[in-house]
Amino acid sequence: VQLQASGGGLVQAGGSLRLSCAASGRTFDTYAMGWLRQTPGKDREFVAAIRRSTYYAGSVKGRFTISRDNAKNMVYLQMNDLKPEDTAVYYCAADRAYPIRTTPDYWGRGTLVTVSS
């Protein structure tokens, strides 16, 4: 599975962004999909995952929404009410485990999200 995230950018606190992830591979729908994020000097952390249900980190629950379109091999992360602490490189991930692990089976190049105060 190859993954490519996009949609990052600079946004003010309180604003919104929508990240997209394009996945290749015929077995896309057999994997749990999700998002991880990482800031310099910190470990990669779990953000959200989706399989038949969704699961969120406590820090983003109620603000972020993950969705997937198996027909298009796409995963999305709608991020609302963004905060400066959401600033990070966001990675799309595919994993046999659910919720996804911070060392998933597959992850792609990340997209940078910067939230200004």
C-alpha atoms as a PDB file:
ATOM      1  CA  VAL A   1       0.000   0.000   0.000  1.00  0.00           C
ATOM      2  CA  GLN A   2       1.370   3.391  -0.980  1.00  0.00           C
ATOM      3  CA  LEU A   3       0.011   6.499   0.672  1.00  0.00           C
ATOM      4  CA  GLN A   4       0.180  10.177  -0.215  1.00  0.00           C
ATOM      5  CA  ALA A   5      -1.178  12.836   2.102  1.00  0.00           C
ATOM      6  CA  SER A   6      -2.115  16.343   1.025  1.00  0.00           C
ATOM      7  CA  GLY A   7      -4.068  19.372   2.194  1.00  0.00           C
ATOM      8  CA  GLY A   8      -1.797  20.792   4.842  1.00  0.00           C
ATOM      9  CA  GLY A   9      -1.073  24.475   5.148  1.00  0.00           C
ATOM     10  CA  LEU A  10      -1.083  27.528   7.371  1.00  0.00           C
ATOM     11  CA  VAL A  11      -4.269  28.416   9.207  1.00  0.00           C
ATOM     12  CA  GLN A  12      -5.199  30.655  12.104  1.00  0.00           C
ATOM     13  CA  ALA A  13      -6.356  29.241  15.396  1.00  0.00           C
ATOM     14  CA  GLY A  14     -10.031  28.398  15.220  1.00  0.00           C
ATOM     15  CA  GLY A  15      -9.835  27.679  11.517  1.00  0.00           C
ATOM     16  CA  SER A  16     -10.328  24.461   9.562  1.00  0.00           C
ATOM     17  CA  LEU A  17      -8.392  22.264   7.170  1.00  0.00           C
ATOM     18  CA  ARG A  18      -9.203  19.050   5.371  1.00  0.00           C
ATOM     19  CA  LEU A  19      -6.452  16.543   4.801  1.00  0.00           C
ATOM     20  CA  SER A  20      -6.715  13.938   2.075  1.00  0.00           C
ATOM     21  CA  CYS A  21      -4.849  10.687   1.591  1.00  0.00           C
ATOM     22  CA  ALA A  22      -4.683   8.808  -1.677  1.00  0.00           C
ATOM     23  CA  ALA A  23      -3.905   5.126  -1.320  1.00  0.00           C
ATOM     24  CA  SER A  24      -2.841   2.623  -3.927  1.00  0.00           C
ATOM     25  CA  GLY A  25      -3.292  -1.102  -3.723  1.00  0.00           C
ATOM     26  CA  ARG A  26      -6.140  -3.488  -4.303  1.00  0.00           C
ATOM     27  CA  THR A  27      -6.349  -4.464  -0.636  1.00  0.00           C
ATOM     28  CA  PHE A  28      -7.054  -0.951   0.622  1.00  0.00           C
ATOM     29  CA  ASP A  29     -10.381  -1.841   2.187  1.00  0.00           C
ATOM     30  CA  THR A  30      -8.857  -4.647   4.272  1.00  0.00           C
ATOM     31  CA  TYR A  31      -6.749  -2.210   6.304  1.00  0.00           C
ATOM     32  CA  ALA A  32      -7.611   0.110   9.108  1.00  0.00           C
ATOM     33  CA  MET A  33      -6.710   3.624   8.015  1.00  0.00           C
ATOM     34  CA  GLY A  34      -5.741   6.571  10.092  1.00  0.00           C
ATOM     35  CA  TRP A  35      -3.683   9.615  10.798  1.00  0.00           C
ATOM     36  CA  LEU A  36      -0.629  10.145  12.924  1.00  0.00           C
ATOM     37  CA  ARG A  37       1.233  13.375  13.607  1.00  0.00           C
ATOM     38  CA  GLN A  38       4.685  14.364  14.727  1.00  0.00           C
ATOM     39  CA  THR A  39       6.411  17.537  15.860  1.00  0.00           C
ATOM     40  CA  PRO A  40      10.199  17.982  16.039  1.00  0.00           C
ATOM     41  CA  GLY A  41      11.706  16.349  19.065  1.00  0.00           C
ATOM     42  CA  LYS A  42       8.578  14.386  19.908  1.00  0.00           C
ATOM     43  CA  ASP A  43       7.412  10.875  19.183  1.00  0.00           C
ATOM     44  CA  ARG A  44       4.842  10.236  16.514  1.00  0.00           C
ATOM     45  CA  GLU A  45       1.370  10.264  18.072  1.00  0.00           C
ATOM     46  CA  PHE A  46      -1.957   8.760  17.139  1.00  0.00           C
ATOM     47  CA  VAL A  47      -4.665  11.129  15.915  1.00  0.00           C
ATOM     48  CA  ALA A  48      -7.552   9.135  14.439  1.00  0.00           C
ATOM     49  CA  ALA A  49      -8.401   5.776  12.911  1.00  0.00           C
ATOM     50  CA  ILE A  50     -11.236   4.253  10.935  1.00  0.00           C
ATOM     51  CA  ARG A  51     -12.300   0.770  10.043  1.00  0.00           C
ATOM     52  CA  ARG A  52     -15.963  -0.057  10.522  1.00  0.00           C
ATOM     53  CA  SER A  53     -15.973   2.482  13.349  1.00  0.00           C
ATOM     54  CA  THR A  54     -13.888   5.511  14.209  1.00  0.00           C
ATOM     55  CA  TYR A  55     -11.519   6.182  17.068  1.00  0.00           C
ATOM     56  CA  TYR A  56      -9.898   9.447  18.115  1.00  0.00           C
ATOM     57  CA  ALA A  57      -7.197  10.709  20.396  1.00  0.00           C
ATOM     58  CA  GLY A  58      -8.659  12.600  23.313  1.00  0.00           C
ATOM     59  CA  SER A  59      -6.954  15.811  22.254  1.00  0.00           C
ATOM     60  CA  VAL A  60      -8.830  15.929  18.922  1.00  0.00           C
ATOM     61  CA  LYS A  61     -12.127  14.244  19.746  1.00  0.00           C
ATOM     62  CA  GLY A  62     -15.024  16.518  18.905  1.00  0.00           C
ATOM     63  CA  ARG A  63     -12.892  18.683  16.608  1.00  0.00           C
ATOM     64  CA  PHE A  64     -11.550  16.225  14.009  1.00  0.00           C
ATOM     65  CA  THR A  65     -13.531  13.813  11.837  1.00  0.00           C
ATOM     66  CA  ILE A  66     -12.017  10.919   9.908  1.00  0.00           C
ATOM     67  CA  SER A  67     -13.733   9.340   6.929  1.00  0.00           C
ATOM     68  CA  ARG A  68     -12.889   6.993   4.082  1.00  0.00           C
ATOM     69  CA  ASP A  69     -14.136   6.250   0.604  1.00  0.00           C
ATOM     70  CA  ASN A  70     -13.184   2.683  -0.263  1.00  0.00           C
ATOM     71  CA  ALA A  71     -14.405   3.085  -3.838  1.00  0.00           C
ATOM     72  CA  LYS A  72     -11.889   5.881  -4.387  1.00  0.00           C
ATOM     73  CA  ASN A  73      -9.147   4.554  -2.075  1.00  0.00           C
ATOM     74  CA  MET A  74      -9.236   7.821  -0.159  1.00  0.00           C
ATOM     75  CA  VAL A  75      -9.080   8.779   3.497  1.00  0.00           C
ATOM     76  CA  TYR A  76      -9.890  12.215   4.858  1.00  0.00           C
ATOM     77  CA  LEU A  77      -9.363  14.141   8.059  1.00  0.00           C
ATOM     78  CA  GLN A  78     -11.585  17.145   8.600  1.00  0.00           C
ATOM     79  CA  MET A  79      -9.986  19.346  11.228  1.00  0.00           C
ATOM     80  CA  ASN A  80     -12.068  22.078  12.832  1.00  0.00           C
ATOM     81  CA  ASP A  81     -11.368  24.542  15.631  1.00  0.00           C
ATOM     82  CA  LEU A  82      -7.651  24.100  15.102  1.00  0.00           C
ATOM     83  CA  LYS A  83      -5.281  25.041  17.902  1.00  0.00           C
ATOM     84  CA  PRO A  84      -1.581  25.956  17.841  1.00  0.00           C
ATOM     85  CA  GLU A  85      -0.811  22.636  19.540  1.00  0.00           C
ATOM     86  CA  ASP A  86      -2.209  20.865  16.469  1.00  0.00           C
ATOM     87  CA  THR A  87       0.800  22.101  14.510  1.00  0.00           C
ATOM     88  CA  ALA A  88       2.641  19.042  13.208  1.00  0.00           C
ATOM     89  CA  VAL A  89       3.453  16.954  10.190  1.00  0.00           C
ATOM     90  CA  TYR A  90       0.465  14.705   9.601  1.00  0.00           C
ATOM     91  CA  TYR A  91       0.934  11.222   8.178  1.00  0.00           C
ATOM     92  CA  CYS A  92      -1.624   8.948   6.610  1.00  0.00           C
ATOM     93  CA  ALA A  93      -1.256   5.339   7.716  1.00  0.00           C
ATOM     94  CA  ALA A  94      -2.593   1.881   6.947  1.00  0.00           C
ATOM     95  CA  ASP A  95      -2.430  -0.906   9.488  1.00  0.00           C
ATOM     96  CA  ARG A  96      -3.724  -4.397  10.108  1.00  0.00           C
ATOM     97  CA  ALA A  97      -4.250  -3.360  13.728  1.00  0.00           C
ATOM     98  CA  TYR A  98      -7.115  -1.201  14.911  1.00  0.00           C
ATOM     99  CA  PRO A  99      -6.789   1.455  16.172  1.00  0.00           C
ATOM    100  CA  ILE A 100      -3.683   1.962  14.106  1.00  0.00           C
ATOM    101  CA  ARG A 101      -0.319   1.795  15.795  1.00  0.00           C
ATOM    102  CA  THR A 102       2.243   4.585  15.888  1.00  0.00           C
ATOM    103  CA  THR A 103       4.447   2.163  13.930  1.00  0.00           C
ATOM    104  CA  PRO A 104       1.874   1.061  11.367  1.00  0.00           C
ATOM    105  CA  ASP A 105       2.386  -1.358   8.499  1.00  0.00           C
ATOM    106  CA  TYR A 106       2.433   1.506   5.996  1.00  0.00           C
ATOM    107  CA  TRP A 107       2.696   5.270   6.100  1.00  0.00           C
ATOM    108  CA  GLY A 108       3.457   7.851   3.499  1.00  0.00           C
ATOM    109  CA  ARG A 109       5.072  11.222   3.218  1.00  0.00           C
ATOM    110  CA  GLY A 110       3.451  13.680   5.557  1.00  0.00           C
ATOM    111  CA  THR A 111       1.803  17.027   5.062  1.00  0.00           C
ATOM    112  CA  LEU A 112       2.616  19.993   7.294  1.00  0.00           C
ATOM    113  CA  VAL A 113      -0.133  21.716   9.241  1.00  0.00           C
ATOM    114  CA  THR A 114       0.763  24.985  10.917  1.00  0.00           C
ATOM    115  CA  VAL A 115      -1.712  26.734  13.203  1.00  0.00           C
ATOM    116  CA  SER A 116      -0.905  30.304  14.166  1.00  0.00           C
ATOM    117  CA  SER A 117      -2.184  31.896  17.342  1.00  0.00           C
END
